[in-house]
Amino acid sequence: MTFARVSLSLAAVVGMVALALAAATIWLLVSQPVTTADAAADLARGNVSPLARALAGVLYDALQGLLRYL
């Protein structure tokens, strides 16, 4: 594999992860605005854990639903 192919593949993986996190954040804002606001307030104080836990929960539920569909 050439360097160009590896870098393109890596860029695609990073883009997909960023897309998944952005979609999960938007879904949280629409479906659970109070939880997201509380997590954002904690994030402003330097505590990343509630937002990360909420995003992980949304991604887990989406993946579980997708696997159940397949």
N, C-alpha and C. Protein backbone atom coordinates (compact mmCIF):
# COMPACT_ATOMS: atom_id res chain seq x y z
N MET A 1 0.84 -1.18 0.00
CA MET A 1 0.00 0.00 0.00
C MET A 1 0.88 1.24 0.00
N THR A 2 0.50 2.17 -0.80
CA THR A 2 1.25 3.41 -0.83
C THR A 2 0.80 4.32 0.30
N PHE A 3 1.60 5.34 0.53
CA PHE A 3 1.29 6.30 1.59
C PHE A 3 -0.02 7.02 1.30
N ALA A 4 -0.28 7.31 0.04
CA ALA A 4 -1.50 8.03 -0.33
C ALA A 4 -2.75 7.20 0.00
N ARG A 5 -2.70 5.91 -0.26
CA ARG A 5 -3.86 5.06 0.03
C ARG A 5 -4.08 4.92 1.53
N VAL A 6 -2.99 4.79 2.28
CA VAL A 6 -3.11 4.66 3.74
C VAL A 6 -3.66 5.95 4.33
N SER A 7 -3.16 7.09 3.88
CA SER A 7 -3.62 8.36 4.43
C SER A 7 -5.07 8.61 4.04
N LEU A 8 -5.47 8.21 2.84
CA LEU A 8 -6.86 8.36 2.43
C LEU A 8 -7.77 7.46 3.26
N SER A 9 -7.34 6.25 3.53
CA SER A 9 -8.12 5.34 4.36
C SER A 9 -8.24 5.86 5.79
N LEU A 10 -7.16 6.37 6.32
CA LEU A 10 -7.18 6.93 7.67
C LEU A 10 -8.10 8.15 7.74
N ALA A 11 -8.05 8.98 6.73
CA ALA A 11 -8.93 10.15 6.68
C ALA A 11 -10.39 9.73 6.62
N ALA A 12 -10.68 8.67 5.90
CA ALA A 12 -12.05 8.17 5.81
C ALA A 12 -12.54 7.64 7.16
N VAL A 13 -11.68 6.94 7.87
CA VAL A 13 -12.06 6.42 9.19
C VAL A 13 -12.30 7.56 10.17
N VAL A 14 -11.42 8.54 10.17
CA VAL A 14 -11.58 9.70 11.06
C VAL A 14 -12.86 10.46 10.70
N GLY A 15 -13.14 10.58 9.42
CA GLY A 15 -14.37 11.25 8.99
C GLY A 15 -15.62 10.51 9.42
N MET A 16 -15.59 9.20 9.34
CA MET A 16 -16.75 8.40 9.76
C MET A 16 -16.98 8.51 11.27
N VAL A 17 -15.91 8.50 12.05
CA VAL A 17 -16.05 8.66 13.50
C VAL A 17 -16.60 10.04 13.83
N ALA A 18 -16.10 11.07 13.16
CA ALA A 18 -16.60 12.43 13.39
C ALA A 18 -18.07 12.54 13.00
N LEU A 19 -18.44 11.90 11.91
CA LEU A 19 -19.83 11.91 11.47
C LEU A 19 -20.73 11.22 12.49
N ALA A 20 -20.29 10.10 13.02
CA ALA A 20 -21.09 9.37 14.01
C ALA A 20 -21.25 10.19 15.29
N LEU A 21 -20.19 10.83 15.75
CA LEU A 21 -20.29 11.66 16.96
C LEU A 21 -21.17 12.88 16.73
N ALA A 22 -21.08 13.49 15.56
CA ALA A 22 -21.94 14.64 15.26
C ALA A 22 -23.41 14.22 15.20
N ALA A 23 -23.69 13.10 14.56
CA ALA A 23 -25.07 12.62 14.48
C ALA A 23 -25.61 12.27 15.87
N ALA A 24 -24.79 11.66 16.71
CA ALA A 24 -25.23 11.32 18.07
C ALA A 24 -25.48 12.57 18.89
N THR A 25 -24.66 13.59 18.71
CA THR A 25 -24.85 14.84 19.44
C THR A 25 -26.14 15.53 19.01
N ILE A 26 -26.40 15.55 17.72
CA ILE A 26 -27.64 16.15 17.23
C ILE A 26 -28.85 15.36 17.73
N TRP A 27 -28.74 14.04 17.72
CA TRP A 27 -29.84 13.21 18.21
C TRP A 27 -30.10 13.49 19.69
N LEU A 28 -29.05 13.63 20.47
CA LEU A 28 -29.22 13.96 21.89
C LEU A 28 -29.88 15.32 22.06
N LEU A 29 -29.48 16.29 21.25
CA LEU A 29 -30.08 17.62 21.36
C LEU A 29 -31.57 17.59 21.04
N VAL A 30 -31.97 16.75 20.11
CA VAL A 30 -33.38 16.68 19.72
C VAL A 30 -34.18 15.82 20.69
N SER A 31 -33.64 14.69 21.10
CA SER A 31 -34.42 13.75 21.89
C SER A 31 -34.35 14.00 23.40
N GLN A 32 -33.22 14.49 23.89
CA GLN A 32 -33.05 14.71 25.32
C GLN A 32 -32.37 16.05 25.58
N PRO A 33 -33.08 17.16 25.35
CA PRO A 33 -32.42 18.46 25.47
C PRO A 33 -31.97 18.80 26.89
N VAL A 34 -32.72 18.38 27.90
CA VAL A 34 -32.34 18.70 29.27
C VAL A 34 -31.07 17.95 29.68
N THR A 35 -31.00 16.68 29.33
CA THR A 35 -29.80 15.89 29.63
C THR A 35 -28.59 16.46 28.92
N THR A 36 -28.77 16.86 27.68
CA THR A 36 -27.67 17.43 26.92
C THR A 36 -27.23 18.77 27.50
N ALA A 37 -28.19 19.58 27.95
CA ALA A 37 -27.84 20.87 28.55
C ALA A 37 -27.08 20.66 29.86
N ASP A 38 -27.53 19.69 30.66
CA ASP A 38 -26.81 19.40 31.91
C ASP A 38 -25.39 18.90 31.62
N ALA A 39 -25.27 18.06 30.61
CA ALA A 39 -23.94 17.54 30.24
C ALA A 39 -23.06 18.67 29.71
N ALA A 40 -23.64 19.60 28.97
CA ALA A 40 -22.86 20.73 28.46
C ALA A 40 -22.42 21.64 29.61
N ALA A 41 -23.26 21.79 30.61
CA ALA A 41 -22.88 22.59 31.77
C ALA A 41 -21.72 21.92 32.52
N ASP A 42 -21.78 20.61 32.64
CA ASP A 42 -20.67 19.88 33.27
C ASP A 42 -19.41 19.98 32.42
N LEU A 43 -19.58 19.98 31.11
CA LEU A 43 -18.44 20.10 30.20
C LEU A 43 -17.77 21.46 30.37
N ALA A 44 -18.56 22.49 30.61
CA ALA A 44 -18.00 23.83 30.82
C ALA A 44 -17.18 23.88 32.10
N ARG A 45 -17.54 23.04 33.07
CA ARG A 45 -16.78 22.98 34.31
C ARG A 45 -15.58 22.05 34.23
N GLY A 46 -15.40 21.41 33.07
CA GLY A 46 -14.24 20.55 32.87
C GLY A 46 -14.51 19.08 33.05
N ASN A 47 -15.76 18.72 33.28
CA ASN A 47 -16.12 17.31 33.48
C ASN A 47 -16.69 16.75 32.17
N VAL A 48 -15.94 15.92 31.50
CA VAL A 48 -16.33 15.39 30.19
C VAL A 48 -17.19 14.14 30.33
N SER A 49 -17.17 13.51 31.46
CA SER A 49 -17.79 12.20 31.65
C SER A 49 -19.28 12.14 31.31
N PRO A 50 -20.14 13.06 31.76
CA PRO A 50 -21.57 12.92 31.45
C PRO A 50 -21.87 13.01 29.95
N LEU A 51 -21.21 13.91 29.26
CA LEU A 51 -21.44 14.02 27.82
C LEU A 51 -20.92 12.79 27.09
N ALA A 52 -19.76 12.31 27.47
CA ALA A 52 -19.21 11.11 26.84
C ALA A 52 -20.10 9.91 27.11
N ARG A 53 -20.62 9.80 28.32
CA ARG A 53 -21.49 8.68 28.66
C ARG A 53 -22.80 8.76 27.87
N ALA A 54 -23.35 9.96 27.70
CA ALA A 54 -24.59 10.12 26.94
C ALA A 54 -24.36 9.80 25.47
N LEU A 55 -23.25 10.27 24.90
CA LEU A 55 -22.94 9.97 23.50
C LEU A 55 -22.71 8.48 23.30
N ALA A 56 -22.00 7.85 24.22
CA ALA A 56 -21.76 6.42 24.12
C ALA A 56 -23.06 5.63 24.20
N GLY A 57 -23.97 6.08 25.04
CA GLY A 57 -25.26 5.40 25.15
C GLY A 57 -26.07 5.49 23.87
N VAL A 58 -26.07 6.67 23.25
CA VAL A 58 -26.80 6.84 22.00
C VAL A 58 -26.17 5.99 20.89
N LEU A 59 -24.85 6.00 20.79
CA LEU A 59 -24.18 5.20 19.77
C LEU A 59 -24.40 3.70 20.01
N TYR A 60 -24.39 3.28 21.27
CA TYR A 60 -24.62 1.87 21.59
C TYR A 60 -26.05 1.47 21.21
N ASP A 61 -27.03 2.31 21.54
CA ASP A 61 -28.41 1.99 21.19
C ASP A 61 -28.60 1.94 19.67
N ALA A 62 -27.96 2.84 18.94
CA ALA A 62 -28.07 2.84 17.48
C ALA A 62 -27.44 1.58 16.90
N LEU A 63 -26.28 1.21 17.39
CA LEU A 63 -25.61 0.01 16.90
C LEU A 63 -26.40 -1.24 17.25
N GLN A 64 -26.95 -1.28 18.44
CA GLN A 64 -27.77 -2.41 18.86
C GLN A 64 -29.02 -2.52 17.98
N GLY A 65 -29.65 -1.41 17.69
CA GLY A 65 -30.81 -1.43 16.81
C GLY A 65 -30.46 -1.86 15.40
N LEU A 66 -29.31 -1.41 14.92
CA LEU A 66 -28.88 -1.79 13.59
C LEU A 66 -28.59 -3.30 13.51
N LEU A 67 -27.92 -3.82 14.52
CA LEU A 67 -27.62 -5.25 14.53
C LEU A 67 -28.88 -6.09 14.70
N ARG A 68 -29.84 -5.59 15.44
CA ARG A 68 -31.10 -6.30 15.59
C ARG A 68 -31.87 -6.32 14.27
N TYR A 69 -31.73 -5.24 13.50
CA TYR A 69 -32.39 -5.15 12.20
C TYR A 69 -31.78 -6.15 11.23
N LEU A 70 -30.47 -6.31 11.29
CA LEU A 70 -29.80 -7.24 10.38
C LEU A 70 -30.04 -8.65 10.83
